[in-house]
Amino acid sequence: MVGNPEPEARGSKPEQPEKPRPRSSELGTGDSGLGTRSLPSTGLMAVDLHTHSTASDGSDSPRRLVERAAGLGLRAIALTDHDTVEGIPEARAAAADRSIELIPGVELSLEWAKGGMHLVVLWLEPGRGPLQDRLDALQRGRDTRNQRIVDRLTELGMPVRLEDVEAEAGGGSVGRPHIAAVMVRHGYVEQITEAFDLYLANDKPAYVGRDRLPPEEGIGLARQSGGVPILAHPHTLGVDNRYEMADLLDRLIAAGLQGIECYYGTYDQPGRNGMVALARRFGLVPGGGSDYHGTYKVEIELGMGKVGLPIADETLDELRAARVSP
């Protein structure tokens, strides 16, 4: 997504008086308009705002996740499991015993034809609420999808029992990483990444789609529920030019988007620089996190990502200021 050549400018877009943002022709350099700015070069971040536990597709229990984060010296951690907040009470209890802040959250998959659009929602409390009430339906959609994936694998000559996949998930929400882990145990593939590359990723033989919320609806429900919606790992969007990114951000900001994940687990320094510049130009908070999944993504370390993540406490303060009462 990050490029160097300066593309030709195009016509100006209307100004947004409530929240001034750049015209598309002012986005900076590179295919996505990602400019550069200076960032600290330290490794361990003070906060990690994107993590997963056994409540969805991580390998650490919510308690163990918090214990590890506290042991690493993190000041705060957000638990953002896929389509569920069921791990929050356990994580919160663990955080209460240690000097670390637990931020309740969730990660949503949204409708987007060009690639994968995900939304991290911070400060989403368990219980009833506009978004919370929709999570049950999203979970049911996952259950249906998992059965269809298992059926496809059987048709491909790799029988996998759903009971084994559910056991791998340990009572949490079942996802493709759990299916991949069972495939490794059966000897169908050697690694979880191989299972995705050959069978489970988009457009692969065993891939099955599922119901997702439209972007505006997901963002709107997050705001109505008191959450702070952040566009996660934007490199998965499949957006390959800055003008399309500008149009997309205008659309999502109008719906209530508050931040964009700039400090992501696999982004190098130039990539982070460009994303921070883009966020600032659009009036968004540059958030981020490791996207830690434990043994399901062995290359991603909690609090560090893959290449080191300098996220300061000030980022958390900015996001906290974006909260609204449900």
C-alpha atoms as a PDB file:
ATOM      1  CA  MET A   1       0.000   0.000   0.000  1.00  0.00           C
ATOM      2  CA  VAL A   2       2.927   2.349   0.647  1.00  0.00           C
ATOM      3  CA  GLY A   3       4.591   3.806  -2.435  1.00  0.00           C
ATOM      4  CA  ASN A   4       7.066   6.522  -3.297  1.00  0.00           C
ATOM      5  CA  PRO A   5       6.209   8.102  -6.674  1.00  0.00           C
ATOM      6  CA  GLU A   6       4.079  11.245  -6.545  1.00  0.00           C
ATOM      7  CA  PRO A   7       0.883  10.577  -8.527  1.00  0.00           C
ATOM      8  CA  GLU A   8      -0.888  13.247 -10.515  1.00  0.00           C
ATOM      9  CA  ALA A   9      -3.327  15.359  -8.525  1.00  0.00           C
ATOM     10  CA  ARG A  10      -7.024  15.310  -9.219  1.00  0.00           C
ATOM     11  CA  GLY A  11      -9.848  17.704  -8.466  1.00  0.00           C
ATOM     12  CA  SER A  12     -10.623  18.814  -4.950  1.00  0.00           C
ATOM     13  CA  LYS A  13     -13.293  17.150  -2.842  1.00  0.00           C
ATOM     14  CA  PRO A  14     -15.793  19.175  -0.789  1.00  0.00           C
ATOM     15  CA  GLU A  15     -14.513  20.297   2.610  1.00  0.00           C
ATOM     16  CA  GLN A  16     -16.043  18.809   5.795  1.00  0.00           C
ATOM     17  CA  PRO A  17     -16.575  21.753   8.166  1.00  0.00           C
ATOM     18  CA  GLU A  18     -17.318  19.645  11.258  1.00  0.00           C
ATOM     19  CA  LYS A  19     -14.099  17.613  10.982  1.00  0.00           C
ATOM     20  CA  PRO A  20     -11.644  19.133   8.468  1.00  0.00           C
ATOM     21  CA  ARG A  21      -9.922  16.552   6.335  1.00  0.00           C
ATOM     22  CA  PRO A  22      -7.750  16.755   3.228  1.00  0.00           C
ATOM     23  CA  ARG A  23      -8.871  16.817  -0.339  1.00  0.00           C
ATOM     24  CA  SER A  24      -7.795  13.714  -2.222  1.00  0.00           C
ATOM     25  CA  SER A  25      -5.160  15.707  -4.095  1.00  0.00           C
ATOM     26  CA  GLU A  26      -3.536  16.580  -0.751  1.00  0.00           C
ATOM     27  CA  LEU A  27      -3.029  13.034   0.469  1.00  0.00           C
ATOM     28  CA  GLY A  28       0.733  13.044  -0.016  1.00  0.00           C
ATOM     29  CA  THR A  29       3.017  10.625  -1.808  1.00  0.00           C
ATOM     30  CA  GLY A  30       2.536   6.996  -2.733  1.00  0.00           C
ATOM     31  CA  ASP A  31      -0.246   4.968  -4.267  1.00  0.00           C
ATOM     32  CA  SER A  32      -2.346   5.329  -1.119  1.00  0.00           C
ATOM     33  CA  GLY A  33      -1.187   8.842  -0.287  1.00  0.00           C
ATOM     34  CA  LEU A  34       0.882   7.603   2.652  1.00  0.00           C
ATOM     35  CA  GLY A  35       3.482  10.215   3.521  1.00  0.00           C
ATOM     36  CA  THR A  36       6.201   9.994   6.166  1.00  0.00           C
ATOM     37  CA  ARG A  37       6.682  11.367   9.649  1.00  0.00           C
ATOM     38  CA  SER A  38       9.114  10.650  12.442  1.00  0.00           C
ATOM     39  CA  LEU A  39       8.212   7.907  14.927  1.00  0.00           C
ATOM     40  CA  PRO A  40      10.069   6.543  17.943  1.00  0.00           C
ATOM     41  CA  SER A  41      12.184   3.494  17.203  1.00  0.00           C
ATOM     42  CA  THR A  42      11.701   1.683  20.529  1.00  0.00           C
ATOM     43  CA  GLY A  43      10.482  -1.921  20.446  1.00  0.00           C
ATOM     44  CA  LEU A  44       7.963  -2.777  23.175  1.00  0.00           C
ATOM     45  CA  MET A  45       4.827  -0.678  23.179  1.00  0.00           C
ATOM     46  CA  ALA A  46       3.150   0.560  26.331  1.00  0.00           C
ATOM     47  CA  VAL A  47      -0.255  -0.668  25.144  1.00  0.00           C
ATOM     48  CA  ASP A  48      -1.553  -3.412  22.856  1.00  0.00           C
ATOM     49  CA  LEU A  49      -4.996  -2.633  21.458  1.00  0.00           C
ATOM     50  CA  HIS A  50      -5.610  -5.720  19.289  1.00  0.00           C
ATOM     51  CA  THR A  51      -5.395  -9.193  20.824  1.00  0.00           C
ATOM     52  CA  HIS A  52      -7.296 -12.481  20.756  1.00  0.00           C
ATOM     53  CA  SER A  53      -7.922 -15.186  23.329  1.00  0.00           C
ATOM     54  CA  THR A  54      -9.490 -18.648  23.483  1.00  0.00           C
ATOM     55  CA  ALA A  55     -12.865 -16.894  23.474  1.00  0.00           C
ATOM     56  CA  SER A  56     -12.319 -16.719  19.704  1.00  0.00           C
ATOM     57  CA  ASP A  57      -9.230 -17.857  17.785  1.00  0.00           C
ATOM     58  CA  GLY A  58      -6.334 -17.195  20.152  1.00  0.00           C
ATOM     59  CA  SER A  59      -4.459 -19.878  22.057  1.00  0.00           C
ATOM     60  CA  ASP A  60      -4.153 -18.061  25.419  1.00  0.00           C
ATOM     61  CA  SER A  61      -7.067 -17.928  27.845  1.00  0.00           C
ATOM     62  CA  PRO A  62      -8.238 -14.387  28.671  1.00  0.00           C
ATOM     63  CA  ARG A  63      -6.579 -14.670  32.093  1.00  0.00           C
ATOM     64  CA  ARG A  64      -3.309 -15.961  30.652  1.00  0.00           C
ATOM     65  CA  LEU A  65      -3.318 -13.217  28.026  1.00  0.00           C
ATOM     66  CA  VAL A  66      -3.590 -10.507  30.690  1.00  0.00           C
ATOM     67  CA  GLU A  67      -0.951 -12.207  32.844  1.00  0.00           C
ATOM     68  CA  ARG A  68       1.479 -12.278  29.945  1.00  0.00           C
ATOM     69  CA  ALA A  69       0.760  -8.642  29.070  1.00  0.00           C
ATOM     70  CA  ALA A  70       1.381  -7.558  32.660  1.00  0.00           C
ATOM     71  CA  GLY A  71       4.578  -9.596  32.736  1.00  0.00           C
ATOM     72  CA  LEU A  72       5.792  -7.787  29.629  1.00  0.00           C
ATOM     73  CA  GLY A  73       5.235  -4.433  31.296  1.00  0.00           C
ATOM     74  CA  LEU A  74       2.292  -3.269  29.186  1.00  0.00           C
ATOM     75  CA  ARG A  75       0.213  -0.489  30.717  1.00  0.00           C
ATOM     76  CA  ALA A  76      -3.014  -1.518  28.973  1.00  0.00           C
ATOM     77  CA  ILE A  77      -4.358  -4.297  26.775  1.00  0.00           C
ATOM     78  CA  ALA A  78      -7.523  -4.555  24.701  1.00  0.00           C
ATOM     79  CA  LEU A  79      -9.155  -7.951  24.286  1.00  0.00           C
ATOM     80  CA  THR A  80     -10.755  -7.862  20.831  1.00  0.00           C
ATOM     81  CA  ASP A  81     -11.998 -11.364  20.068  1.00  0.00           C
ATOM     82  CA  HIS A  82     -13.914 -12.010  16.869  1.00  0.00           C
ATOM     83  CA  ASP A  83     -17.664 -11.359  17.205  1.00  0.00           C
ATOM     84  CA  THR A  84     -17.708 -12.007  20.959  1.00  0.00           C
ATOM     85  CA  VAL A  85     -17.110 -10.308  24.301  1.00  0.00           C
ATOM     86  CA  GLU A  86     -17.404 -13.526  26.290  1.00  0.00           C
ATOM     87  CA  GLY A  87     -13.764 -13.411  27.385  1.00  0.00           C
ATOM     88  CA  ILE A  88     -14.012  -9.929  28.916  1.00  0.00           C
ATOM     89  CA  PRO A  89     -15.127 -10.868  32.468  1.00  0.00           C
ATOM     90  CA  GLU A  90     -12.244 -13.331  32.917  1.00  0.00           C
ATOM     91  CA  ALA A  91      -9.739 -10.875  31.471  1.00  0.00           C
ATOM     92  CA  ARG A  92     -11.066  -8.051  33.628  1.00  0.00           C
ATOM     93  CA  ALA A  93     -10.772 -10.136  36.778  1.00  0.00           C
ATOM     94  CA  ALA A  94      -7.162 -10.948  35.906  1.00  0.00           C
ATOM     95  CA  ALA A  95      -6.385  -7.277  35.243  1.00  0.00           C
ATOM     96  CA  ALA A  96      -7.842  -6.275  38.608  1.00  0.00           C
ATOM     97  CA  ASP A  97      -5.105  -8.333  40.293  1.00  0.00           C
ATOM     98  CA  ARG A  98      -2.355  -6.540  38.384  1.00  0.00           C
ATOM     99  CA  SER A  99      -1.364  -2.992  37.492  1.00  0.00           C
ATOM    100  CA  ILE A 100      -2.711  -3.168  33.932  1.00  0.00           C
ATOM    101  CA  GLU A 101      -5.807  -1.681  32.332  1.00  0.00           C
ATOM    102  CA  LEU A 102      -8.176  -4.049  30.507  1.00  0.00           C
ATOM    103  CA  ILE A 103     -10.078  -2.446  27.632  1.00  0.00           C
ATOM    104  CA  PRO A 104     -13.131  -4.447  26.560  1.00  0.00           C
ATOM    105  CA  GLY A 105     -13.523  -4.775  22.812  1.00  0.00           C
ATOM    106  CA  VAL A 106     -14.407  -6.873  19.810  1.00  0.00           C
ATOM    107  CA  GLU A 107     -13.295  -7.353  16.202  1.00  0.00           C
ATOM    108  CA  LEU A 108     -15.918  -7.394  13.451  1.00  0.00           C
ATOM    109  CA  SER A 109     -15.693  -8.542   9.839  1.00  0.00           C
ATOM    110  CA  LEU A 110     -17.561  -6.166   7.526  1.00  0.00           C
ATOM    111  CA  GLU A 111     -18.921  -6.471   4.006  1.00  0.00           C
ATOM    112  CA  TRP A 112     -16.301  -5.396   1.482  1.00  0.00           C
ATOM    113  CA  ALA A 113     -15.992  -6.962  -1.944  1.00  0.00           C
ATOM    114  CA  LYS A 114     -12.405  -5.965  -2.764  1.00  0.00           C
ATOM    115  CA  GLY A 115     -10.750  -7.638   0.225  1.00  0.00           C
ATOM    116  CA  GLY A 116     -11.107  -7.977   3.973  1.00  0.00           C
ATOM    117  CA  MET A 117     -12.507  -5.111   6.036  1.00  0.00           C
ATOM    118  CA  HIS A 118     -12.259  -5.517   9.794  1.00  0.00           C
ATOM    119  CA  LEU A 119     -13.294  -3.182  12.569  1.00  0.00           C
ATOM    120  CA  VAL A 120     -11.793  -3.184  16.057  1.00  0.00           C
ATOM    121  CA  VAL A 121     -14.272  -1.692  18.526  1.00  0.00           C
ATOM    122  CA  LEU A 122     -12.786  -0.564  21.832  1.00  0.00           C
ATOM    123  CA  TRP A 123     -14.707  -0.037  25.077  1.00  0.00           C
ATOM    124  CA  LEU A 124     -17.530  -2.351  24.106  1.00  0.00           C
ATOM    125  CA  GLU A 125     -18.914  -3.661  27.382  1.00  0.00           C
ATOM    126  CA  PRO A 126     -20.499  -7.113  27.771  1.00  0.00           C
ATOM    127  CA  GLY A 127     -24.258  -7.147  28.261  1.00  0.00           C
ATOM    128  CA  ARG A 128     -27.121  -5.738  26.251  1.00  0.00           C
ATOM    129  CA  GLY A 129     -26.641  -3.075  23.615  1.00  0.00           C
ATOM    130  CA  PRO A 130     -27.193  -2.369  19.901  1.00  0.00           C
ATOM    131  CA  LEU A 131     -23.969  -4.062  18.786  1.00  0.00           C
ATOM    132  CA  GLN A 132     -23.825  -6.605  21.594  1.00  0.00           C
ATOM    133  CA  ASP A 133     -27.255  -7.903  20.620  1.00  0.00           C
ATOM    134  CA  ARG A 134     -26.064  -8.485  17.048  1.00  0.00           C
ATOM    135  CA  LEU A 135     -23.053 -10.552  18.104  1.00  0.00           C
ATOM    136  CA  ASP A 136     -25.205 -13.623  18.793  1.00  0.00           C
ATOM    137  CA  ALA A 137     -26.447 -13.657  15.200  1.00  0.00           C
ATOM    138  CA  LEU A 138     -22.904 -13.238  13.915  1.00  0.00           C
ATOM    139  CA  GLN A 139     -21.800 -16.182  16.045  1.00  0.00           C
ATOM    140  CA  ARG A 140     -24.559 -18.347  14.626  1.00  0.00           C
ATOM    141  CA  GLY A 141     -23.325 -17.454  11.160  1.00  0.00           C
ATOM    142  CA  ARG A 142     -19.864 -18.646  12.155  1.00  0.00           C
ATOM    143  CA  ASP A 143     -21.280 -21.976  13.345  1.00  0.00           C
ATOM    144  CA  THR A 144     -22.978 -22.578  10.002  1.00  0.00           C
ATOM    145  CA  ARG A 145     -19.831 -21.620   8.144  1.00  0.00           C
ATOM    146  CA  ASN A 146     -17.650 -23.977  10.177  1.00  0.00           C
ATOM    147  CA  GLN A 147     -19.844 -26.951   9.342  1.00  0.00           C
ATOM    148  CA  ARG A 148     -19.707 -26.092   5.647  1.00  0.00           C
ATOM    149  CA  ILE A 149     -15.905 -25.827   5.748  1.00  0.00           C
ATOM    150  CA  VAL A 150     -15.646 -29.219   7.419  1.00  0.00           C
ATOM    151  CA  ASP A 151     -17.959 -30.674   4.765  1.00  0.00           C
ATOM    152  CA  ARG A 152     -15.805 -29.226   1.984  1.00  0.00           C
ATOM    153  CA  LEU A 153     -12.634 -30.646   3.492  1.00  0.00           C
ATOM    154  CA  THR A 154     -14.266 -34.065   3.606  1.00  0.00           C
ATOM    155  CA  GLU A 155     -15.192 -33.748  -0.063  1.00  0.00           C
ATOM    156  CA  LEU A 156     -11.535 -32.904  -0.768  1.00  0.00           C
ATOM    157  CA  GLY A 157     -10.421 -36.139   0.872  1.00  0.00           C
ATOM    158  CA  MET A 158      -9.445 -34.614   4.227  1.00  0.00           C
ATOM    159  CA  PRO A 159     -12.147 -35.644   6.702  1.00  0.00           C
ATOM    160  CA  VAL A 160     -12.276 -33.473   9.812  1.00  0.00           C
ATOM    161  CA  ARG A 161     -14.822 -33.895  12.579  1.00  0.00           C
ATOM    162  CA  LEU A 162     -16.491 -30.746  13.856  1.00  0.00           C
ATOM    163  CA  GLU A 163     -16.268 -32.209  17.365  1.00  0.00           C
ATOM    164  CA  ASP A 164     -12.472 -32.217  17.095  1.00  0.00           C
ATOM    165  CA  VAL A 165     -12.488 -28.605  15.921  1.00  0.00           C
ATOM    166  CA  GLU A 166     -14.713 -27.559  18.809  1.00  0.00           C
ATOM    167  CA  ALA A 167     -12.381 -29.347  21.228  1.00  0.00           C
ATOM    168  CA  GLU A 168      -9.445 -27.453  19.721  1.00  0.00           C
ATOM    169  CA  ALA A 169     -11.319 -24.202  20.397  1.00  0.00           C
ATOM    170  CA  GLY A 170     -11.657 -25.175  24.060  1.00  0.00           C
ATOM    171  CA  GLY A 171     -15.225 -23.982  24.387  1.00  0.00           C
ATOM    172  CA  GLY A 172     -14.623 -20.632  22.723  1.00  0.00           C
ATOM    173  CA  SER A 173     -15.809 -19.338  19.373  1.00  0.00           C
ATOM    174  CA  VAL A 174     -14.693 -21.684  16.583  1.00  0.00           C
ATOM    175  CA  GLY A 175     -12.762 -20.202  13.683  1.00  0.00           C
ATOM    176  CA  ARG A 176     -10.592 -21.241  10.768  1.00  0.00           C
ATOM    177  CA  PRO A 177      -7.378 -21.367  12.855  1.00  0.00           C
ATOM    178  CA  HIS A 178      -8.923 -24.175  14.900  1.00  0.00           C
ATOM    179  CA  ILE A 179      -9.811 -26.082  11.741  1.00  0.00           C
ATOM    180  CA  ALA A 180      -6.269 -25.531  10.481  1.00  0.00           C
ATOM    181  CA  ALA A 181      -4.805 -26.861  13.725  1.00  0.00           C
ATOM    182  CA  VAL A 182      -6.841 -30.071  13.417  1.00  0.00           C
ATOM    183  CA  MET A 183      -5.670 -30.422   9.819  1.00  0.00           C
ATOM    184  CA  VAL A 184      -2.073 -30.248  11.070  1.00  0.00           C
ATOM    185  CA  ARG A 185      -2.750 -32.943  13.674  1.00  0.00           C
ATOM    186  CA  HIS A 186      -4.243 -35.199  11.001  1.00  0.00           C
ATOM    187  CA  GLY A 187      -1.179 -34.728   8.818  1.00  0.00           C
ATOM    188  CA  TYR A 188      -3.024 -33.060   5.957  1.00  0.00           C
ATOM    189  CA  VAL A 189      -0.668 -30.076   6.165  1.00  0.00           C
ATOM    190  CA  GLU A 190       2.506 -29.365   8.094  1.00  0.00           C
ATOM    191  CA  GLN A 191       1.674 -25.902   9.409  1.00  0.00           C
ATOM    192  CA  ILE A 192      -1.360 -23.730  10.093  1.00  0.00           C
ATOM    193  CA  THR A 193      -0.168 -21.227   7.509  1.00  0.00           C
ATOM    194  CA  GLU A 194      -0.061 -24.003   4.916  1.00  0.00           C
ATOM    195  CA  ALA A 195      -3.676 -24.912   5.670  1.00  0.00           C
ATOM    196  CA  PHE A 196      -4.699 -21.344   4.911  1.00  0.00           C
ATOM    197  CA  ASP A 197      -2.480 -20.962   1.867  1.00  0.00           C
ATOM    198  CA  LEU A 198      -3.762 -24.153   0.251  1.00  0.00           C
ATOM    199  CA  TYR A 199      -7.330 -24.586   1.487  1.00  0.00           C
ATOM    200  CA  LEU A 200      -8.863 -22.095   3.940  1.00  0.00           C
ATOM    201  CA  ALA A 201      -7.990 -18.611   2.701  1.00  0.00           C
ATOM    202  CA  ASN A 202     -10.220 -16.569   0.411  1.00  0.00           C
ATOM    203  CA  ASP A 203     -10.722 -18.202  -2.995  1.00  0.00           C
ATOM    204  CA  LYS A 204      -9.165 -21.490  -1.827  1.00  0.00           C
ATOM    205  CA  PRO A 205     -11.033 -24.828  -2.235  1.00  0.00           C
ATOM    206  CA  ALA A 206     -12.412 -25.053   1.329  1.00  0.00           C
ATOM    207  CA  TYR A 207     -13.144 -21.368   1.859  1.00  0.00           C
ATOM    208  CA  VAL A 208     -16.725 -20.493   2.810  1.00  0.00           C
ATOM    209  CA  GLY A 209     -17.992 -16.954   3.263  1.00  0.00           C
ATOM    210  CA  ARG A 210     -20.364 -15.843   6.017  1.00  0.00           C
ATOM    211  CA  ASP A 211     -22.777 -13.074   6.898  1.00  0.00           C
ATOM    212  CA  ARG A 212     -21.122  -9.751   7.691  1.00  0.00           C
ATOM    213  CA  LEU A 213     -22.405  -6.337   8.669  1.00  0.00           C
ATOM    214  CA  PRO A 214     -22.292  -3.492   6.137  1.00  0.00           C
ATOM    215  CA  PRO A 215     -19.534  -1.021   7.129  1.00  0.00           C
ATOM    216  CA  GLU A 216     -21.877   1.840   7.982  1.00  0.00           C
ATOM    217  CA  GLU A 217     -24.075  -0.412  10.077  1.00  0.00           C
ATOM    218  CA  GLY A 218     -21.172  -1.917  12.002  1.00  0.00           C
ATOM    219  CA  ILE A 219     -19.666   1.495  12.738  1.00  0.00           C
ATOM    220  CA  GLY A 220     -23.050   2.942  13.663  1.00  0.00           C
ATOM    221  CA  LEU A 221     -23.838   0.093  16.057  1.00  0.00           C
ATOM    222  CA  ALA A 222     -20.416   0.504  17.654  1.00  0.00           C
ATOM    223  CA  ARG A 223     -21.016   4.194  18.329  1.00  0.00           C
ATOM    224  CA  GLN A 224     -24.555   3.574  19.584  1.00  0.00           C
ATOM    225  CA  SER A 225     -23.098   1.052  22.031  1.00  0.00           C
ATOM    226  CA  GLY A 226     -20.494   3.442  23.424  1.00  0.00           C
ATOM    227  CA  GLY A 227     -17.591   1.919  21.502  1.00  0.00           C
ATOM    228  CA  VAL A 228     -14.735   3.494  19.569  1.00  0.00           C
ATOM    229  CA  PRO A 229     -14.542   1.968  16.050  1.00  0.00           C
ATOM    230  CA  ILE A 230     -11.106   1.634  14.442  1.00  0.00           C
ATOM    231  CA  LEU A 231     -10.396   0.390  10.922  1.00  0.00           C
ATOM    232  CA  ALA A 232      -8.142  -2.637  11.445  1.00  0.00           C
ATOM    233  CA  HIS A 233      -5.085  -3.683   9.367  1.00  0.00           C
ATOM    234  CA  PRO A 234      -6.032  -1.575   6.298  1.00  0.00           C
ATOM    235  CA  HIS A 235      -3.603  -3.478   4.045  1.00  0.00           C
ATOM    236  CA  THR A 236      -6.233  -6.249   3.765  1.00  0.00           C
ATOM    237  CA  LEU A 237      -8.750  -3.916   2.118  1.00  0.00           C
ATOM    238  CA  GLY A 238      -7.347  -4.474  -1.356  1.00  0.00           C
ATOM    239  CA  VAL A 239      -7.303  -0.719  -1.998  1.00  0.00           C
ATOM    240  CA  ASP A 240      -4.396   0.054  -4.306  1.00  0.00           C
ATOM    241  CA  ASN A 241      -4.570   3.812  -4.865  1.00  0.00           C
ATOM    242  CA  ARG A 242      -4.853   6.873  -2.682  1.00  0.00           C
ATOM    243  CA  TYR A 243      -7.999   8.270  -4.292  1.00  0.00           C
ATOM    244  CA  GLU A 244      -9.987   5.143  -3.603  1.00  0.00           C
ATOM    245  CA  MET A 245      -8.661   5.171  -0.034  1.00  0.00           C
ATOM    246  CA  ALA A 246      -9.721   8.808   0.342  1.00  0.00           C
ATOM    247  CA  ASP A 247     -13.235   8.022  -0.854  1.00  0.00           C
ATOM    248  CA  LEU A 248     -13.474   5.035   1.463  1.00  0.00           C
ATOM    249  CA  LEU A 249     -12.268   6.977   4.492  1.00  0.00           C
ATOM    250  CA  ASP A 250     -14.718   9.791   3.760  1.00  0.00           C
ATOM    251  CA  ARG A 251     -17.503   7.211   3.686  1.00  0.00           C
ATOM    252  CA  LEU A 252     -16.444   5.513   6.929  1.00  0.00           C
ATOM    253  CA  ILE A 253     -15.784   8.772   8.791  1.00  0.00           C
ATOM    254  CA  ALA A 254     -19.262   9.978   7.877  1.00  0.00           C
ATOM    255  CA  ALA A 255     -20.576   6.819   9.547  1.00  0.00           C
ATOM    256  CA  GLY A 256     -18.593   7.503  12.728  1.00  0.00           C
ATOM    257  CA  LEU A 257     -15.144   5.942  12.273  1.00  0.00           C
ATOM    258  CA  GLN A 258     -12.740   7.284  14.919  1.00  0.00           C
ATOM    259  CA  GLY A 259      -9.383   5.674  14.179  1.00  0.00           C
ATOM    260  CA  ILE A 260      -7.275   3.581  11.850  1.00  0.00           C
ATOM    261  CA  GLU A 261      -4.771   0.887  12.791  1.00  0.00           C
ATOM    262  CA  CYS A 262      -1.374   2.359  11.958  1.00  0.00           C
ATOM    263  CA  TYR A 263       0.845   0.403  14.335  1.00  0.00           C
ATOM    264  CA  TYR A 264      -0.032  -3.082  13.159  1.00  0.00           C
ATOM    265  CA  GLY A 265       1.847  -6.239  14.030  1.00  0.00           C
ATOM    266  CA  THR A 266       3.437  -6.768  10.608  1.00  0.00           C
ATOM    267  CA  TYR A 267       3.962  -3.143   9.491  1.00  0.00           C
ATOM    268  CA  ASP A 268       7.529  -1.954   9.148  1.00  0.00           C
ATOM    269  CA  GLN A 269       8.669   1.577  10.028  1.00  0.00           C
ATOM    270  CA  PRO A 270       7.919   3.186   6.620  1.00  0.00           C
ATOM    271  CA  GLY A 271       4.496   1.568   6.561  1.00  0.00           C
ATOM    272  CA  ARG A 272       3.682   2.864  10.047  1.00  0.00           C
ATOM    273  CA  ASN A 273       4.937   6.332   9.151  1.00  0.00           C
ATOM    274  CA  GLY A 274       2.711   6.504   6.106  1.00  0.00           C
ATOM    275  CA  MET A 275      -0.362   5.249   7.928  1.00  0.00           C
ATOM    276  CA  VAL A 276       0.101   7.738  10.776  1.00  0.00           C
ATOM    277  CA  ALA A 277       0.370  10.576   8.257  1.00  0.00           C
ATOM    278  CA  LEU A 278      -2.803   9.380   6.537  1.00  0.00           C
ATOM    279  CA  ALA A 279      -4.690   9.133   9.823  1.00  0.00           C
ATOM    280  CA  ARG A 280      -3.688  12.634  10.907  1.00  0.00           C
ATOM    281  CA  ARG A 281      -4.670  14.160   7.591  1.00  0.00           C
ATOM    282  CA  PHE A 282      -8.153  12.708   7.934  1.00  0.00           C
ATOM    283  CA  GLY A 283      -8.578  13.610  11.585  1.00  0.00           C
ATOM    284  CA  LEU A 284      -8.419   9.969  12.719  1.00  0.00           C
ATOM    285  CA  VAL A 285      -6.598   8.630  15.755  1.00  0.00           C
ATOM    286  CA  PRO A 286      -3.642   6.386  14.780  1.00  0.00           C
ATOM    287  CA  GLY A 287      -4.355   3.263  16.809  1.00  0.00           C
ATOM    288  CA  GLY A 288      -2.862  -0.181  16.598  1.00  0.00           C
ATOM    289  CA  GLY A 289      -1.894  -3.438  18.179  1.00  0.00           C
ATOM    290  CA  SER A 290      -0.152  -6.719  17.608  1.00  0.00           C
ATOM    291  CA  ASP A 291      -3.156  -8.835  16.486  1.00  0.00           C
ATOM    292  CA  TYR A 292      -1.752 -11.479  18.810  1.00  0.00           C
ATOM    293  CA  HIS A 293      -3.226 -14.994  18.447  1.00  0.00           C
ATOM    294  CA  GLY A 294      -0.657 -17.007  20.390  1.00  0.00           C
ATOM    295  CA  THR A 295       0.378 -20.264  18.749  1.00  0.00           C
ATOM    296  CA  TYR A 296      -2.032 -19.723  15.869  1.00  0.00           C
ATOM    297  CA  LYS A 297       0.197 -16.885  14.620  1.00  0.00           C
ATOM    298  CA  VAL A 298       3.582 -17.838  16.014  1.00  0.00           C
ATOM    299  CA  GLU A 299       5.386 -14.979  14.279  1.00  0.00           C
ATOM    300  CA  ILE A 300       3.334 -12.354  16.152  1.00  0.00           C
ATOM    301  CA  GLU A 301       4.427 -11.632  19.725  1.00  0.00           C
ATOM    302  CA  LEU A 302       2.213  -9.979  22.306  1.00  0.00           C
ATOM    303  CA  GLY A 303       3.161  -6.325  22.690  1.00  0.00           C
ATOM    304  CA  MET A 304       5.616  -6.546  19.815  1.00  0.00           C
ATOM    305  CA  GLY A 305       3.891  -7.800  16.706  1.00  0.00           C
ATOM    306  CA  LYS A 306       6.383  -9.079  14.141  1.00  0.00           C
ATOM    307  CA  VAL A 307       8.767  -6.152  13.788  1.00  0.00           C
ATOM    308  CA  GLY A 308       8.311  -4.157  17.018  1.00  0.00           C
ATOM    309  CA  LEU A 309       5.550  -1.644  17.758  1.00  0.00           C
ATOM    310  CA  PRO A 310       6.107   1.741  19.414  1.00  0.00           C
ATOM    311  CA  ILE A 311       2.627   2.667  20.663  1.00  0.00           C
ATOM    312  CA  ALA A 312       2.627   5.357  23.340  1.00  0.00           C
ATOM    313  CA  ASP A 313       0.162   5.962  26.165  1.00  0.00           C
ATOM    314  CA  GLU A 314      -0.930   9.150  24.390  1.00  0.00           C
ATOM    315  CA  THR A 315      -2.569   7.058  21.677  1.00  0.00           C
ATOM    316  CA  LEU A 316      -4.802   5.495  24.287  1.00  0.00           C
ATOM    317  CA  ASP A 317      -5.650   8.935  25.684  1.00  0.00           C
ATOM    318  CA  GLU A 318      -6.761  10.124  22.235  1.00  0.00           C
ATOM    319  CA  LEU A 319      -8.939   7.080  21.717  1.00  0.00           C
ATOM    320  CA  ARG A 320     -10.414   7.413  25.182  1.00  0.00           C
ATOM    321  CA  ALA A 321     -11.400  10.984  24.348  1.00  0.00           C
ATOM    322  CA  ALA A 322     -13.374   9.673  21.350  1.00  0.00           C
ATOM    323  CA  ARG A 323     -15.729   7.650  23.556  1.00  0.00           C
ATOM    324  CA  VAL A 324     -19.411   8.520  23.730  1.00  0.00           C
ATOM    325  CA  SER A 325     -22.062   7.463  26.217  1.00  0.00           C
ATOM    326  CA  PRO A 326     -24.349   4.706  24.822  1.00  0.00           C
END
